[in-house]
Amino acid sequence: MHGRVTKERGAAKFHKCEHCGLEAQDWAYDHLDMNEKRELAYGVFSRDITHYIPLCKKCHAKFDRKGEKKDRAIGYLEAMLEVKTHNDL
């Protein structure tokens, strides 16, 4: 997906980091897509390139740590909902 973002929007290094304003190095998924996808090999991502933001390495690492916490919480809630639904049958 990052390759498609780069193809459509250019290399991240030609953009400023969304968080600190320094030169960006990476495209990062913003975790805001209501139709986000989950795959074991890739984790959580979006097929919509507008949900990717340019970030420097430092901000990307911080942002990913926050996103991982959110993803774990969502995964836990989805698992609990699945158990509840299964027990209600």
Protein backbone atom coordinates (compact mmCIF):
# COMPACT_ATOMS: atom_id res chain seq x y z
CA MET A 1 0.00 0.00 0.00
CA HIS A 2 2.83 2.42 0.80
CA GLY A 3 4.13 1.96 -2.74
CA ARG A 4 0.77 3.05 -4.14
CA VAL A 5 0.77 6.10 -1.85
CA THR A 6 4.27 7.02 -3.05
CA LYS A 7 3.25 6.55 -6.68
CA GLU A 8 0.19 8.77 -6.31
CA ARG A 9 1.51 11.40 -3.86
CA GLY A 10 5.27 11.27 -4.30
CA ALA A 11 7.97 10.20 -1.88
CA ALA A 12 7.34 11.16 1.74
CA LYS A 13 10.71 12.96 1.81
CA PHE A 14 9.23 15.65 -0.44
CA HIS A 15 6.66 16.47 2.28
CA LYS A 16 6.90 17.92 5.76
CA CYS A 17 6.14 15.73 8.77
CA GLU A 18 2.49 16.24 9.76
CA HIS A 19 3.43 16.30 13.45
CA CYS A 20 6.66 18.30 13.79
CA GLY A 21 7.21 19.99 10.42
CA LEU A 22 10.62 18.41 9.73
CA GLU A 23 11.33 16.49 6.51
CA ALA A 24 9.21 13.33 6.40
CA GLN A 25 10.69 9.94 5.58
CA ASP A 26 7.65 7.65 5.70
CA TRP A 27 4.00 7.44 4.81
CA ALA A 28 1.94 6.32 7.82
CA TYR A 29 -1.65 5.12 8.01
CA ASP A 30 -3.66 7.61 10.10
CA HIS A 31 -5.97 4.94 11.66
CA LEU A 32 -9.06 7.01 10.80
CA ASP A 33 -10.56 5.04 7.90
CA MET A 34 -13.97 3.64 8.87
CA ASN A 35 -13.36 0.88 6.29
CA GLU A 36 -9.86 -0.07 7.45
CA LYS A 37 -8.56 -3.54 6.67
CA ARG A 38 -6.82 -6.06 8.92
CA GLU A 39 -4.49 -8.75 7.68
CA LEU A 40 -2.07 -10.85 9.70
CA ALA A 41 0.78 -10.15 7.29
CA TYR A 42 0.25 -6.37 7.18
CA GLY A 43 -1.64 -5.43 10.33
CA VAL A 44 -4.17 -2.61 10.07
CA PHE A 45 -4.19 -0.49 6.93
CA SER A 46 -6.39 1.44 4.52
CA ARG A 47 -6.81 1.07 0.79
CA ASP A 48 -7.65 4.79 0.64
CA ILE A 49 -4.45 6.77 0.03
CA THR A 50 -5.95 9.88 1.63
CA HIS A 51 -5.59 8.09 4.99
CA TYR A 52 -1.78 8.20 4.84
CA ILE A 53 0.22 11.06 6.30
CA PRO A 54 3.91 11.96 5.87
CA LEU A 55 5.92 11.55 9.09
CA CYS A 56 9.57 11.75 10.11
CA LYS A 57 11.09 8.59 11.66
CA LYS A 58 10.77 9.85 15.25
CA CYS A 59 7.11 10.90 14.92
CA HIS A 60 6.29 7.73 12.97
CA ALA A 61 7.65 5.55 15.79
CA LYS A 62 5.63 7.49 18.40
CA PHE A 63 2.52 7.43 16.22
CA ASP A 64 2.80 3.67 15.63
CA ARG A 65 3.06 2.99 19.38
CA LYS A 66 -0.20 4.89 19.90
CA GLY A 67 -1.82 3.10 16.95
CA GLU A 68 -0.76 -0.32 18.24
CA LYS A 69 -2.41 0.40 21.59
CA LYS A 70 -5.60 1.44 19.82
CA ASP A 71 -5.50 -1.65 17.56
CA ARG A 72 -5.01 -3.97 20.56
CA ALA A 73 -7.97 -2.34 22.34
CA ILE A 74 -10.18 -2.66 19.26
CA GLY A 75 -9.09 -6.27 18.76
CA TYR A 76 -9.94 -7.03 22.40
CA LEU A 77 -13.38 -5.43 22.07
CA GLU A 78 -14.08 -7.30 18.84
CA ALA A 79 -13.06 -10.59 20.48
CA MET A 80 -15.31 -9.90 23.48
CA LEU A 81 -18.20 -9.05 21.20
CA GLU A 82 -17.65 -12.28 19.28
CA VAL A 83 -17.66 -14.32 22.53
CA LYS A 84 -20.83 -12.58 23.71
CA THR A 85 -22.54 -13.15 20.37
CA HIS A 86 -21.48 -16.82 20.40
CA ASN A 87 -22.78 -17.27 23.98
CA ASP A 88 -26.13 -15.70 23.09
CA LEU A 89 -26.83 -18.35 20.42
